[in-house]
N, C-alpha and C. Protein backbone atom coordinates (compact mmCIF):
# COMPACT_ATOMS: atom_id res chain seq x y z
N UNK A 1 147.47 91.54 69.29
CA UNK A 1 146.94 92.79 69.81
C UNK A 1 147.79 93.27 71.00
N UNK A 2 148.10 94.57 71.00
CA UNK A 2 148.93 95.07 72.10
C UNK A 2 148.14 95.19 73.35
N UNK A 3 148.85 95.29 74.45
CA UNK A 3 148.23 95.37 75.76
C UNK A 3 147.34 96.62 75.88
N UNK A 4 147.85 97.75 75.36
CA UNK A 4 147.07 98.98 75.45
C UNK A 4 145.79 98.91 74.63
N UNK A 5 145.85 98.22 73.49
CA UNK A 5 144.68 98.06 72.64
C UNK A 5 143.67 97.21 73.34
N UNK A 6 144.12 96.14 74.04
CA UNK A 6 143.22 95.27 74.76
C UNK A 6 142.56 96.02 75.92
N UNK A 7 143.34 96.82 76.59
CA UNK A 7 142.83 97.61 77.71
C UNK A 7 141.78 98.60 77.22
N UNK A 8 142.02 99.23 76.11
CA UNK A 8 141.07 100.20 75.56
C UNK A 8 139.77 99.50 75.17
N UNK A 9 139.91 98.33 74.59
CA UNK A 9 138.73 97.56 74.17
C UNK A 9 137.90 97.18 75.40
N UNK A 10 138.56 96.73 76.47
CA UNK A 10 137.89 96.38 77.69
C UNK A 10 137.20 97.60 78.30
N UNK A 11 137.88 98.76 78.25
CA UNK A 11 137.30 99.97 78.79
C UNK A 11 136.08 100.38 78.03
N UNK A 12 136.16 100.34 76.70
CA UNK A 12 135.01 100.70 75.87
C UNK A 12 133.83 99.77 76.12
N UNK A 13 134.12 98.49 76.31
CA UNK A 13 133.07 97.50 76.57
C UNK A 13 132.42 97.83 77.91
N UNK A 14 133.24 98.15 78.90
CA UNK A 14 132.73 98.47 80.24
C UNK A 14 131.88 99.72 80.18
N UNK A 15 132.34 100.72 79.43
CA UNK A 15 131.60 101.97 79.31
C UNK A 15 130.24 101.71 78.66
N UNK A 16 130.20 100.79 77.70
CA UNK A 16 128.92 100.44 77.05
C UNK A 16 127.96 99.80 78.05
N UNK A 17 128.49 98.89 78.86
CA UNK A 17 127.67 98.25 79.87
C UNK A 17 127.14 99.28 80.86
N UNK A 18 128.00 100.21 81.25
CA UNK A 18 127.65 101.24 82.22
C UNK A 18 126.52 102.11 81.66
N UNK A 19 126.68 102.50 80.39
CA UNK A 19 125.69 103.35 79.76
C UNK A 19 124.35 102.63 79.69
N UNK A 20 124.41 101.35 79.34
CA UNK A 20 123.18 100.53 79.26
C UNK A 20 122.52 100.43 80.62
N UNK A 21 123.33 100.23 81.65
CA UNK A 21 122.79 100.12 83.02
C UNK A 21 122.13 101.42 83.48
N UNK A 22 122.81 102.54 83.19
CA UNK A 22 122.27 103.82 83.63
C UNK A 22 120.94 104.12 82.89
N UNK A 23 120.90 103.73 81.60
CA UNK A 23 119.68 103.94 80.82
C UNK A 23 118.54 103.13 81.42
N UNK A 24 118.83 101.86 81.78
CA UNK A 24 117.80 100.99 82.33
C UNK A 24 117.35 101.56 83.70
N UNK A 25 118.31 102.03 84.44
CA UNK A 25 118.02 102.61 85.76
C UNK A 25 117.10 103.82 85.62
N UNK A 26 117.42 104.67 84.64
CA UNK A 26 116.60 105.87 84.41
C UNK A 26 115.17 105.51 84.04
N UNK A 27 115.06 104.48 83.18
CA UNK A 27 113.73 104.02 82.77
C UNK A 27 112.93 103.49 83.97
N UNK A 28 113.63 102.76 84.81
CA UNK A 28 113.01 102.18 85.98
C UNK A 28 112.51 103.28 86.92
N UNK A 29 113.35 104.27 87.14
CA UNK A 29 113.02 105.41 88.00
C UNK A 29 111.77 106.14 87.43
N UNK A 30 111.78 106.28 86.11
CA UNK A 30 110.64 106.96 85.44
C UNK A 30 109.36 106.18 85.66
N UNK A 31 109.45 104.86 85.49
CA UNK A 31 108.27 104.00 85.70
C UNK A 31 107.76 104.11 87.12
N UNK A 32 108.69 104.09 88.08
CA UNK A 32 108.30 104.17 89.51
C UNK A 32 107.67 105.55 89.77
N UNK A 33 108.23 106.57 89.19
CA UNK A 33 107.68 107.94 89.38
C UNK A 33 106.28 108.02 88.83
N UNK A 34 106.04 107.42 87.68
CA UNK A 34 104.71 107.40 87.09
C UNK A 34 103.74 106.64 87.97
N UNK A 35 104.19 105.54 88.51
CA UNK A 35 103.36 104.76 89.44
C UNK A 35 102.97 105.60 90.66
N UNK A 36 103.97 106.28 91.22
CA UNK A 36 103.74 107.09 92.41
C UNK A 36 102.68 108.16 92.11
N UNK A 37 102.78 108.84 91.01
CA UNK A 37 101.86 109.93 90.70
C UNK A 37 100.44 109.37 90.47
N UNK A 38 100.34 108.23 89.84
CA UNK A 38 99.01 107.67 89.58
C UNK A 38 98.38 107.15 90.88
N UNK A 39 99.22 106.59 91.78
CA UNK A 39 98.72 106.11 93.05
C UNK A 39 98.22 107.25 93.92
N UNK A 40 99.05 108.31 94.02
CA UNK A 40 98.69 109.44 94.86
C UNK A 40 97.50 110.19 94.28
N UNK A 41 97.35 110.09 92.94
CA UNK A 41 96.23 110.77 92.29
C UNK A 41 94.89 110.08 92.59
N UNK A 42 94.95 108.78 92.90
CA UNK A 42 93.73 108.03 93.17
C UNK A 42 93.18 108.27 94.56
N UNK A 43 94.09 108.65 95.48
CA UNK A 43 93.67 108.83 96.88
C UNK A 43 92.67 109.95 97.04
């Protein structure tokens, strides 16, 4: 495998990890936002 092909593969893998992380982060933020609204709604 050529160096450029290896680099591209590594980049694609990293991009996949990044996308996964941002998706998880977005889900977490949504969960926290839902918690906040339900808590403030109870007061």
